[in-house]
Amino acid sequence: MTDLEKIRLKINDKTVPYHFTDVELQAFLDDEGSVNMAAAAALETWATEYGFNADSEHIGDYSYTQKIIDNMLKLSANLKKTDAEKPSITWAEPNLLMTEEAE
């Protein structure tokens, strides 16, 4: 699975036509540096589109509330947290083999 496919999976952008183009997802990946951070940025961008719509509406006795923005931003925060908690170097597993490069 490619990084772009992983981003699409994480943000649930799996239905054609896609919300984001491959070029747009690649730009998020280039800017953010990881799949999780790129997915978080894509979700935040996508959520801004819903920001122009009302989150709730009342029609007579019927009313509803959308939680789309809250859910997207919550998922974005979780992806950022997951990325931040991921160790960049695994110190617990040092390479003890001597190679020419290590000498």
PDB file of N, CA and C in Angstrom:
ATOM      1  N   MET A   1       0.850  -1.172   0.000  1.00  0.00           N
ATOM      2  CA  MET A   1       0.000   0.000   0.000  1.00  0.00           C
ATOM      3  C   MET A   1       0.898   1.239   0.000  1.00  0.00           C
ATOM      4  N   THR A   2       0.599   2.164  -0.868  1.00  0.00           N
ATOM      5  CA  THR A   2       1.406   3.386  -0.950  1.00  0.00           C
ATOM      6  C   THR A   2       1.046   4.334   0.186  1.00  0.00           C
ATOM      7  N   ASP A   3       1.902   5.322   0.419  1.00  0.00           N
ATOM      8  CA  ASP A   3       1.621   6.322   1.450  1.00  0.00           C
ATOM      9  C   ASP A   3       0.334   7.085   1.159  1.00  0.00           C
ATOM     10  N   LEU A   4       0.089   7.393  -0.105  1.00  0.00           N
ATOM     11  CA  LEU A   4      -1.141   8.113  -0.457  1.00  0.00           C
ATOM     12  C   LEU A   4      -2.370   7.261  -0.171  1.00  0.00           C
ATOM     13  N   GLU A   5      -2.278   5.973  -0.435  1.00  0.00           N
ATOM     14  CA  GLU A   5      -3.391   5.061  -0.116  1.00  0.00           C
ATOM     15  C   GLU A   5      -3.606   4.975   1.390  1.00  0.00           C
ATOM     16  N   LYS A   6      -2.525   4.992   2.157  1.00  0.00           N
ATOM     17  CA  LYS A   6      -2.641   4.971   3.622  1.00  0.00           C
ATOM     18  C   LYS A   6      -3.327   6.243   4.133  1.00  0.00           C
ATOM     19  N   ILE A   7      -2.969   7.379   3.547  1.00  0.00           N
ATOM     20  CA  ILE A   7      -3.606   8.638   3.947  1.00  0.00           C
ATOM     21  C   ILE A   7      -5.093   8.579   3.624  1.00  0.00           C
ATOM     22  N   ARG A   8      -5.435   8.134   2.423  1.00  0.00           N
ATOM     23  CA  ARG A   8      -6.848   8.018   2.031  1.00  0.00           C
ATOM     24  C   ARG A   8      -7.608   7.118   3.006  1.00  0.00           C
ATOM     25  N   LEU A   9      -7.001   6.018   3.399  1.00  0.00           N
ATOM     26  CA  LEU A   9      -7.627   5.083   4.327  1.00  0.00           C
ATOM     27  C   LEU A   9      -7.870   5.750   5.684  1.00  0.00           C
ATOM     28  N   LYS A  10      -6.876   6.465   6.179  1.00  0.00           N
ATOM     29  CA  LYS A  10      -6.985   7.105   7.498  1.00  0.00           C
ATOM     30  C   LYS A  10      -8.038   8.210   7.535  1.00  0.00           C
ATOM     31  N   ILE A  11      -8.231   8.909   6.413  1.00  0.00           N
ATOM     32  CA  ILE A  11      -9.199  10.009   6.399  1.00  0.00           C
ATOM     33  C   ILE A  11     -10.528   9.588   5.770  1.00  0.00           C
ATOM     34  N   ASN A  12     -10.633   8.315   5.387  1.00  0.00           N
ATOM     35  CA  ASN A  12     -11.844   7.751   4.782  1.00  0.00           C
ATOM     36  C   ASN A  12     -12.210   8.453   3.473  1.00  0.00           C
ATOM     37  N   ASP A  13     -11.207   8.738   2.686  1.00  0.00           N
ATOM     38  CA  ASP A  13     -11.403   9.328   1.353  1.00  0.00           C
ATOM     39  C   ASP A  13     -11.220   8.205   0.329  1.00  0.00           C
ATOM     40  N   LYS A  14     -12.149   7.244   0.359  1.00  0.00           N
ATOM     41  CA  LYS A  14     -11.994   6.033  -0.440  1.00  0.00           C
ATOM     42  C   LYS A  14     -12.986   5.911  -1.580  1.00  0.00           C
ATOM     43  N   THR A  15     -13.907   6.853  -1.701  1.00  0.00           N
ATOM     44  CA  THR A  15     -14.938   6.773  -2.727  1.00  0.00           C
ATOM     45  C   THR A  15     -14.598   7.689  -3.896  1.00  0.00           C
ATOM     46  N   VAL A  16     -14.634   7.115  -5.099  1.00  0.00           N
ATOM     47  CA  VAL A  16     -14.380   7.897  -6.309  1.00  0.00           C
ATOM     48  C   VAL A  16     -15.654   8.647  -6.662  1.00  0.00           C
ATOM     49  N   PRO A  17     -15.631   9.924  -6.976  1.00  0.00           N
ATOM     50  CA  PRO A  17     -14.426  10.756  -7.060  1.00  0.00           C
ATOM     51  C   PRO A  17     -13.916  11.105  -5.668  1.00  0.00           C
ATOM     52  N   TYR A  18     -12.602  11.044  -5.515  1.00  0.00           N
ATOM     53  CA  TYR A  18     -11.969  11.345  -4.233  1.00  0.00           C
ATOM     54  C   TYR A  18     -12.134  12.820  -3.886  1.00  0.00           C
ATOM     55  N   HIS A  19     -12.126  13.085  -2.594  1.00  0.00           N
ATOM     56  CA  HIS A  19     -12.195  14.483  -2.155  1.00  0.00           C
ATOM     57  C   HIS A  19     -10.891  15.210  -2.486  1.00  0.00           C
ATOM     58  N   PHE A  20      -9.766  14.532  -2.230  1.00  0.00           N
ATOM     59  CA  PHE A  20      -8.444  15.101  -2.503  1.00  0.00           C
ATOM     60  C   PHE A  20      -7.802  14.375  -3.679  1.00  0.00           C
ATOM     61  N   THR A  21      -7.095  15.120  -4.505  1.00  0.00           N
ATOM     62  CA  THR A  21      -6.339  14.507  -5.599  1.00  0.00           C
ATOM     63  C   THR A  21      -5.049  13.928  -5.037  1.00  0.00           C
ATOM     64  N   ASP A  22      -4.397  13.082  -5.818  1.00  0.00           N
ATOM     65  CA  ASP A  22      -3.100  12.538  -5.406  1.00  0.00           C
ATOM     66  C   ASP A  22      -2.084  13.656  -5.216  1.00  0.00           C
ATOM     67  N   VAL A  23      -2.134  14.668  -6.072  1.00  0.00           N
ATOM     68  CA  VAL A  23      -1.199  15.794  -5.980  1.00  0.00           C
ATOM     69  C   VAL A  23      -1.394  16.535  -4.644  1.00  0.00           C
ATOM     70  N   GLU A  24      -2.654  16.737  -4.254  1.00  0.00           N
ATOM     71  CA  GLU A  24      -2.926  17.418  -2.989  1.00  0.00           C
ATOM     72  C   GLU A  24      -2.441  16.594  -1.798  1.00  0.00           C
ATOM     73  N   LEU A  25      -2.711  15.280  -1.824  1.00  0.00           N
ATOM     74  CA  LEU A  25      -2.240  14.425  -0.721  1.00  0.00           C
ATOM     75  C   LEU A  25      -0.716  14.383  -0.679  1.00  0.00           C
ATOM     76  N   GLN A  26      -0.076  14.356  -1.844  1.00  0.00           N
ATOM     77  CA  GLN A  26       1.390  14.362  -1.879  1.00  0.00           C
ATOM     78  C   GLN A  26       1.931  15.666  -1.303  1.00  0.00           C
ATOM     79  N   ALA A  27       1.242  16.771  -1.549  1.00  0.00           N
ATOM     80  CA  ALA A  27       1.656  18.062  -0.983  1.00  0.00           C
ATOM     81  C   ALA A  27       1.567  18.031   0.543  1.00  0.00           C
ATOM     82  N   PHE A  28       0.482  17.458   1.082  1.00  0.00           N
ATOM     83  CA  PHE A  28       0.372  17.312   2.538  1.00  0.00           C
ATOM     84  C   PHE A  28       1.519  16.455   3.063  1.00  0.00           C
ATOM     85  N   LEU A  29       1.806  15.363   2.370  1.00  0.00           N
ATOM     86  CA  LEU A  29       2.877  14.461   2.795  1.00  0.00           C
ATOM     87  C   LEU A  29       4.237  15.150   2.732  1.00  0.00           C
ATOM     88  N   ASP A  30       4.492  15.900   1.671  1.00  0.00           N
ATOM     89  CA  ASP A  30       5.756  16.629   1.541  1.00  0.00           C
ATOM     90  C   ASP A  30       5.903  17.685   2.645  1.00  0.00           C
ATOM     91  N   ASP A  31       4.814  18.392   2.933  1.00  0.00           N
ATOM     92  CA  ASP A  31       4.855  19.450   3.944  1.00  0.00           C
ATOM     93  C   ASP A  31       4.982  18.895   5.358  1.00  0.00           C
ATOM     94  N   GLU A  32       4.277  17.805   5.632  1.00  0.00           N
ATOM     95  CA  GLU A  32       4.184  17.300   7.004  1.00  0.00           C
ATOM     96  C   GLU A  32       5.208  16.228   7.336  1.00  0.00           C
ATOM     97  N   GLY A  33       5.659  15.468   6.351  1.00  0.00           N
ATOM     98  CA  GLY A  33       6.736  14.518   6.563  1.00  0.00           C
ATOM     99  C   GLY A  33       6.358  13.119   7.021  1.00  0.00           C
ATOM    100  N   SER A  34       5.102  12.876   7.359  1.00  0.00           N
ATOM    101  CA  SER A  34       4.683  11.533   7.747  1.00  0.00           C
ATOM    102  C   SER A  34       3.239  11.309   7.321  1.00  0.00           C
ATOM    103  N   VAL A  35       2.865  10.042   7.219  1.00  0.00           N
ATOM    104  CA  VAL A  35       1.510   9.691   6.810  1.00  0.00           C
ATOM    105  C   VAL A  35       0.490  10.228   7.813  1.00  0.00           C
ATOM    106  N   ASN A  36       0.739  10.030   9.110  1.00  0.00           N
ATOM    107  CA  ASN A  36      -0.208  10.485  10.127  1.00  0.00           C
ATOM    108  C   ASN A  36      -0.368  12.004  10.117  1.00  0.00           C
ATOM    109  N   MET A  37       0.728  12.722  10.008  1.00  0.00           N
ATOM    110  CA  MET A  37       0.649  14.184  10.008  1.00  0.00           C
ATOM    111  C   MET A  37      -0.003  14.703   8.727  1.00  0.00           C
ATOM    112  N   ALA A  38       0.260  14.038   7.609  1.00  0.00           N
ATOM    113  CA  ALA A  38      -0.383  14.424   6.346  1.00  0.00           C
ATOM    114  C   ALA A  38      -1.885  14.168   6.421  1.00  0.00           C
ATOM    115  N   ALA A  39      -2.271  13.040   7.013  1.00  0.00           N
ATOM    116  CA  ALA A  39      -3.695  12.734   7.180  1.00  0.00           C
ATOM    117  C   ALA A  39      -4.357  13.761   8.093  1.00  0.00           C
ATOM    118  N   ALA A  40      -3.670  14.155   9.159  1.00  0.00           N
ATOM    119  CA  ALA A  40      -4.204  15.166  10.078  1.00  0.00           C
ATOM    120  C   ALA A  40      -4.411  16.496   9.351  1.00  0.00           C
ATOM    121  N   ALA A  41      -3.448  16.895   8.553  1.00  0.00           N
ATOM    122  CA  ALA A  41      -3.568  18.156   7.799  1.00  0.00           C
ATOM    123  C   ALA A  41      -4.712  18.083   6.792  1.00  0.00           C
ATOM    124  N   ALA A  42      -4.865  16.936   6.142  1.00  0.00           N
ATOM    125  CA  ALA A  42      -5.958  16.763   5.181  1.00  0.00           C
ATOM    126  C   ALA A  42      -7.310  16.856   5.889  1.00  0.00           C
ATOM    127  N   LEU A  43      -7.430  16.227   7.050  1.00  0.00           N
ATOM    128  CA  LEU A  43      -8.679  16.287   7.807  1.00  0.00           C
ATOM    129  C   LEU A  43      -9.006  17.721   8.233  1.00  0.00           C
ATOM    130  N   GLU A  44      -7.989  18.454   8.671  1.00  0.00           N
ATOM    131  CA  GLU A  44      -8.214  19.844   9.087  1.00  0.00           C
ATOM    132  C   GLU A  44      -8.666  20.696   7.898  1.00  0.00           C
ATOM    133  N   THR A  45      -8.067  20.460   6.751  1.00  0.00           N
ATOM    134  CA  THR A  45      -8.456  21.195   5.547  1.00  0.00           C
ATOM    135  C   THR A  45      -9.881  20.842   5.142  1.00  0.00           C
ATOM    136  N   TRP A  46     -10.191  19.565   5.184  1.00  0.00           N
ATOM    137  CA  TRP A  46     -11.524  19.097   4.827  1.00  0.00           C
ATOM    138  C   TRP A  46     -12.569  19.670   5.795  1.00  0.00           C
ATOM    139  N   ALA A  47     -12.231  19.719   7.069  1.00  0.00           N
ATOM    140  CA  ALA A  47     -13.160  20.230   8.087  1.00  0.00           C
ATOM    141  C   ALA A  47     -13.500  21.700   7.857  1.00  0.00           C
ATOM    142  N   THR A  48     -12.567  22.468   7.304  1.00  0.00           N
ATOM    143  CA  THR A  48     -12.851  23.890   7.072  1.00  0.00           C
ATOM    144  C   THR A  48     -13.994  24.073   6.073  1.00  0.00           C
ATOM    145  N   GLU A  49     -14.156  23.121   5.162  1.00  0.00           N
ATOM    146  CA  GLU A  49     -15.257  23.214   4.205  1.00  0.00           C
ATOM    147  C   GLU A  49     -16.612  23.108   4.903  1.00  0.00           C
ATOM    148  N   TYR A  50     -16.665  22.311   5.970  1.00  0.00           N
ATOM    149  CA  TYR A  50     -17.910  22.157   6.715  1.00  0.00           C
ATOM    150  C   TYR A  50     -18.149  23.336   7.650  1.00  0.00           C
ATOM    151  N   GLY A  51     -17.124  24.113   7.910  1.00  0.00           N
ATOM    152  CA  GLY A  51     -17.246  25.253   8.812  1.00  0.00           C
ATOM    153  C   GLY A  51     -18.182  26.330   8.301  1.00  0.00           C
ATOM    154  N   PHE A  52     -18.432  26.337   7.014  1.00  0.00           N
ATOM    155  CA  PHE A  52     -19.325  27.333   6.426  1.00  0.00           C
ATOM    156  C   PHE A  52     -20.795  26.916   6.508  1.00  0.00           C
ATOM    157  N   ASN A  53     -21.031  25.647   6.888  1.00  0.00           N
ATOM    158  CA  ASN A  53     -22.399  25.137   7.020  1.00  0.00           C
ATOM    159  C   ASN A  53     -22.843  25.224   8.476  1.00  0.00           C
ATOM    160  N   ALA A  54     -24.120  25.298   8.691  1.00  0.00           N
ATOM    161  CA  ALA A  54     -24.657  25.314  10.055  1.00  0.00           C
ATOM    162  C   ALA A  54     -24.432  23.950  10.701  1.00  0.00           C
ATOM    163  N   ASP A  55     -24.070  23.960  12.027  1.00  0.00           N
ATOM    164  CA  ASP A  55     -23.894  22.666  12.682  1.00  0.00           C
ATOM    165  C   ASP A  55     -25.212  22.092  13.158  1.00  0.00           C
ATOM    166  N   SER A  56     -26.230  22.910  13.255  1.00  0.00           N
ATOM    167  CA  SER A  56     -27.529  22.383  13.666  1.00  0.00           C
ATOM    168  C   SER A  56     -28.628  23.150  12.945  1.00  0.00           C
ATOM    169  N   GLU A  57     -29.778  22.494  12.879  1.00  0.00           N
ATOM    170  CA  GLU A  57     -30.902  23.109  12.192  1.00  0.00           C
ATOM    171  C   GLU A  57     -32.190  22.631  12.847  1.00  0.00           C
ATOM    172  N   HIS A  58     -33.142  23.520  12.922  1.00  0.00           N
ATOM    173  CA  HIS A  58     -34.461  23.186  13.479  1.00  0.00           C
ATOM    174  C   HIS A  58     -35.496  23.467  12.403  1.00  0.00           C
ATOM    175  N   ILE A  59     -36.281  22.445  12.090  1.00  0.00           N
ATOM    176  CA  ILE A  59     -37.356  22.582  11.112  1.00  0.00           C
ATOM    177  C   ILE A  59     -38.623  22.058  11.793  1.00  0.00           C
ATOM    178  N   GLY A  60     -39.442  22.954  12.264  1.00  0.00           N
ATOM    179  CA  GLY A  60     -40.638  22.534  12.993  1.00  0.00           C
ATOM    180  C   GLY A  60     -40.248  21.762  14.232  1.00  0.00           C
ATOM    181  N   ASP A  61     -40.756  20.550  14.367  1.00  0.00           N
ATOM    182  CA  ASP A  61     -40.425  19.702  15.519  1.00  0.00           C
ATOM    183  C   ASP A  61     -39.151  18.894  15.295  1.00  0.00           C
ATOM    184  N   TYR A  62     -38.615  18.967  14.100  1.00  0.00           N
ATOM    185  CA  TYR A  62     -37.425  18.191  13.752  1.00  0.00           C
ATOM    186  C   TYR A  62     -36.181  19.050  13.936  1.00  0.00           C
ATOM    187  N   SER A  63     -35.163  18.469  14.538  1.00  0.00           N
ATOM    188  CA  SER A  63     -33.876  19.163  14.639  1.00  0.00           C
ATOM    189  C   SER A  63     -32.758  18.128  14.554  1.00  0.00           C
ATOM    190  N   TYR A  64     -31.613  18.593  14.114  1.00  0.00           N
ATOM    191  CA  TYR A  64     -30.443  17.712  14.057  1.00  0.00           C
ATOM    192  C   TYR A  64     -29.190  18.534  14.326  1.00  0.00           C
ATOM    193  N   THR A  65     -28.168  17.822  14.740  1.00  0.00           N
ATOM    194  CA  THR A  65     -26.879  18.444  14.995  1.00  0.00           C
ATOM    195  C   THR A  65     -25.813  17.626  14.278  1.00  0.00           C
ATOM    196  N   GLN A  66     -24.961  18.308  13.529  1.00  0.00           N
ATOM    197  CA  GLN A  66     -23.849  17.638  12.851  1.00  0.00           C
ATOM    198  C   GLN A  66     -22.614  17.694  13.746  1.00  0.00           C
ATOM    199  N   LYS A  67     -21.915  16.612  13.800  1.00  0.00           N
ATOM    200  CA  LYS A  67     -20.669  16.544  14.557  1.00  0.00           C
ATOM    201  C   LYS A  67     -19.493  16.273  13.620  1.00  0.00           C
ATOM    202  N   ILE A  68     -19.688  16.560  12.337  1.00  0.00           N
ATOM    203  CA  ILE A  68     -18.664  16.241  11.341  1.00  0.00           C
ATOM    204  C   ILE A  68     -17.347  16.948  11.656  1.00  0.00           C
ATOM    205  N   ILE A  69     -17.410  18.240  11.910  1.00  0.00           N
ATOM    206  CA  ILE A  69     -16.184  19.002  12.176  1.00  0.00           C
ATOM    207  C   ILE A  69     -15.512  18.493  13.441  1.00  0.00           C
ATOM    208  N   ASP A  70     -16.289  18.319  14.504  1.00  0.00           N
ATOM    209  CA  ASP A  70     -15.729  17.821  15.767  1.00  0.00           C
ATOM    210  C   ASP A  70     -15.064  16.465  15.575  1.00  0.00           C
ATOM    211  N   ASN A  71     -15.724  15.577  14.833  1.00  0.00           N
ATOM    212  CA  ASN A  71     -15.167  14.239  14.608  1.00  0.00           C
ATOM    213  C   ASN A  71     -13.884  14.292  13.784  1.00  0.00           C
ATOM    214  N   MET A  72     -13.858  15.137  12.758  1.00  0.00           N
ATOM    215  CA  MET A  72     -12.653  15.256  11.925  1.00  0.00           C
ATOM    216  C   MET A  72     -11.489  15.825  12.740  1.00  0.00           C
ATOM    217  N   LEU A  73     -11.769  16.847  13.538  1.00  0.00           N
ATOM    218  CA  LEU A  73     -10.703  17.461  14.334  1.00  0.00           C
ATOM    219  C   LEU A  73     -10.233  16.537  15.450  1.00  0.00           C
ATOM    220  N   LYS A  74     -11.132  15.738  15.994  1.00  0.00           N
ATOM    221  CA  LYS A  74     -10.741  14.768  17.026  1.00  0.00           C
ATOM    222  C   LYS A  74      -9.826  13.701  16.427  1.00  0.00           C
ATOM    223  N   LEU A  75     -10.178  13.213  15.238  1.00  0.00           N
ATOM    224  CA  LEU A  75      -9.337  12.229  14.562  1.00  0.00           C
ATOM    225  C   LEU A  75      -7.981  12.840  14.210  1.00  0.00           C
ATOM    226  N   SER A  76      -7.985  14.091  13.763  1.00  0.00           N
ATOM    227  CA  SER A  76      -6.736  14.782  13.448  1.00  0.00           C
ATOM    228  C   SER A  76      -5.839  14.862  14.687  1.00  0.00           C
ATOM    229  N   ALA A  77      -6.420  15.221  15.824  1.00  0.00           N
ATOM    230  CA  ALA A  77      -5.640  15.315  17.072  1.00  0.00           C
ATOM    231  C   ALA A  77      -5.085  13.950  17.469  1.00  0.00           C
ATOM    232  N   ASN A  78      -5.870  12.892  17.285  1.00  0.00           N
ATOM    233  CA  ASN A  78      -5.396  11.544  17.615  1.00  0.00           C
ATOM    234  C   ASN A  78      -4.242  11.119  16.710  1.00  0.00           C
ATOM    235  N   LEU A  79      -4.328  11.462  15.430  1.00  0.00           N
ATOM    236  CA  LEU A  79      -3.239  11.131  14.500  1.00  0.00           C
ATOM    237  C   LEU A  79      -1.960  11.881  14.871  1.00  0.00           C
ATOM    238  N   LYS A  80      -2.099  13.156  15.251  1.00  0.00           N
ATOM    239  CA  LYS A  80      -0.930  13.936  15.665  1.00  0.00           C
ATOM    240  C   LYS A  80      -0.316  13.363  16.934  1.00  0.00           C
ATOM    241  N   LYS A  81      -1.168  12.961  17.873  1.00  0.00           N
ATOM    242  CA  LYS A  81      -0.682  12.385  19.131  1.00  0.00           C
ATOM    243  C   LYS A  81       0.062  11.081  18.867  1.00  0.00           C
ATOM    244  N   THR A  82      -0.513  10.242  18.005  1.00  0.00           N
ATOM    245  CA  THR A  82       0.124   8.973  17.654  1.00  0.00           C
ATOM    246  C   THR A  82       1.496   9.216  17.031  1.00  0.00           C
ATOM    247  N   ASP A  83       1.579  10.198  16.149  1.00  0.00           N
ATOM    248  CA  ASP A  83       2.847  10.510  15.494  1.00  0.00           C
ATOM    249  C   ASP A  83       3.858  11.058  16.500  1.00  0.00           C
ATOM    250  N   ALA A  84       3.399  11.900  17.427  1.00  0.00           N
ATOM    251  CA  ALA A  84       4.297  12.502  18.416  1.00  0.00           C
ATOM    252  C   ALA A  84       4.838  11.460  19.393  1.00  0.00           C
ATOM    253  N   GLU A  85       4.053  10.436  19.674  1.00  0.00           N
ATOM    254  CA  GLU A  85       4.474   9.413  20.638  1.00  0.00           C
ATOM    255  C   GLU A  85       5.346   8.335  20.011  1.00  0.00           C
ATOM    256  N   LYS A  86       5.451   8.336  18.699  1.00  0.00           N
ATOM    257  CA  LYS A  86       6.258   7.341  17.993  1.00  0.00           C
ATOM    258  C   LYS A  86       7.732   7.712  18.129  1.00  0.00           C
ATOM    259  N   PRO A  87       8.556   6.816  18.659  1.00  0.00           N
ATOM    260  CA  PRO A  87       9.972   7.149  18.809  1.00  0.00           C
ATOM    261  C   PRO A  87      10.663   7.296  17.453  1.00  0.00           C
ATOM    262  N   SER A  88      11.482   8.306  17.341  1.00  0.00           N
ATOM    263  CA  SER A  88      12.190   8.502  16.078  1.00  0.00           C
ATOM    264  C   SER A  88      13.390   7.565  15.963  1.00  0.00           C
ATOM    265  N   ILE A  89      13.946   7.183  17.112  1.00  0.00           N
ATOM    266  CA  ILE A  89      15.069   6.241  17.136  1.00  0.00           C
ATOM    267  C   ILE A  89      14.781   5.224  18.231  1.00  0.00           C
ATOM    268  N   THR A  90      14.981   3.972  17.921  1.00  0.00           N
ATOM    269  CA  THR A  90      14.765   2.928  18.910  1.00  0.00           C
ATOM    270  C   THR A  90      16.081   2.657  19.634  1.00  0.00           C
ATOM    271  N   TRP A  91      16.242   3.287  20.782  1.00  0.00           N
ATOM    272  CA  TRP A  91      17.477   3.133  21.552  1.00  0.00           C
ATOM    273  C   TRP A  91      17.556   1.772  22.223  1.00  0.00           C
ATOM    274  N   ALA A  92      16.437   1.144  22.418  1.00  0.00           N
ATOM    275  CA  ALA A  92      16.427  -0.149  23.099  1.00  0.00           C
ATOM    276  C   ALA A  92      16.986  -1.266  22.229  1.00  0.00           C
ATOM    277  N   GLU A  93      17.134  -1.039  20.954  1.00  0.00           N
ATOM    278  CA  GLU A  93      17.619  -2.061  20.039  1.00  0.00           C
ATOM    279  C   GLU A  93      18.820  -1.555  19.242  1.00  0.00           C
ATOM    280  N   PRO A  94      19.940  -1.297  19.911  1.00  0.00           N
ATOM    281  CA  PRO A  94      21.101  -0.787  19.170  1.00  0.00           C
ATOM    282  C   PRO A  94      21.684  -1.857  18.247  1.00  0.00           C
ATOM    283  N   ASN A  95      22.286  -1.417  17.182  1.00  0.00           N
ATOM    284  CA  ASN A  95      22.947  -2.319  16.253  1.00  0.00           C
ATOM    285  C   ASN A  95      24.350  -2.563  16.792  1.00  0.00           C
ATOM    286  N   LEU A  96      24.583  -3.753  17.307  1.00  0.00           N
ATOM    287  CA  LEU A  96      25.867  -4.078  17.912  1.00  0.00           C
ATOM    288  C   LEU A  96      26.824  -4.738  16.930  1.00  0.00           C
ATOM    289  N   LEU A  97      26.393  -4.915  15.700  1.00  0.00           N
ATOM    290  CA  LEU A  97      27.261  -5.509  14.692  1.00  0.00           C
ATOM    291  C   LEU A  97      28.231  -4.461  14.180  1.00  0.00           C
ATOM    292  N   MET A  98      29.463  -4.807  14.107  1.00  0.00           N
ATOM    293  CA  MET A  98      30.469  -3.883  13.581  1.00  0.00           C
ATOM    294  C   MET A  98      30.494  -4.015  12.059  1.00  0.00           C
ATOM    295  N   THR A  99      30.340  -2.917  11.404  1.00  0.00           N
ATOM    296  CA  THR A  99      30.434  -2.894   9.951  1.00  0.00           C
ATOM    297  C   THR A  99      31.534  -1.920   9.557  1.00  0.00           C
ATOM    298  N   GLU A 100      31.913  -1.924   8.304  1.00  0.00           N
ATOM    299  CA  GLU A 100      32.927  -0.988   7.835  1.00  0.00           C
ATOM    300  C   GLU A 100      32.468   0.445   8.046  1.00  0.00           C
ATOM    301  N   GLU A 101      31.177   0.697   7.875  1.00  0.00           N
ATOM    302  CA  GLU A 101      30.657   2.036   8.039  1.00  0.00           C
ATOM    303  C   GLU A 101      30.769   2.513   9.483  1.00  0.00           C
ATOM    304  N   ALA A 102      30.667   1.584  10.437  1.00  0.00           N
ATOM    305  CA  ALA A 102      30.708   1.950  11.857  1.00  0.00           C
ATOM    306  C   ALA A 102      32.123   2.176  12.343  1.00  0.00           C
ATOM    307  N   GLU A 103      33.112   1.692  11.644  1.00  0.00           N
ATOM    308  CA  GLU A 103      34.502   1.803  12.091  1.00  0.00           C
ATOM    309  C   GLU A 103      35.083   3.170  11.871  1.00  0.00           C
TER     310      GLU A 103
END
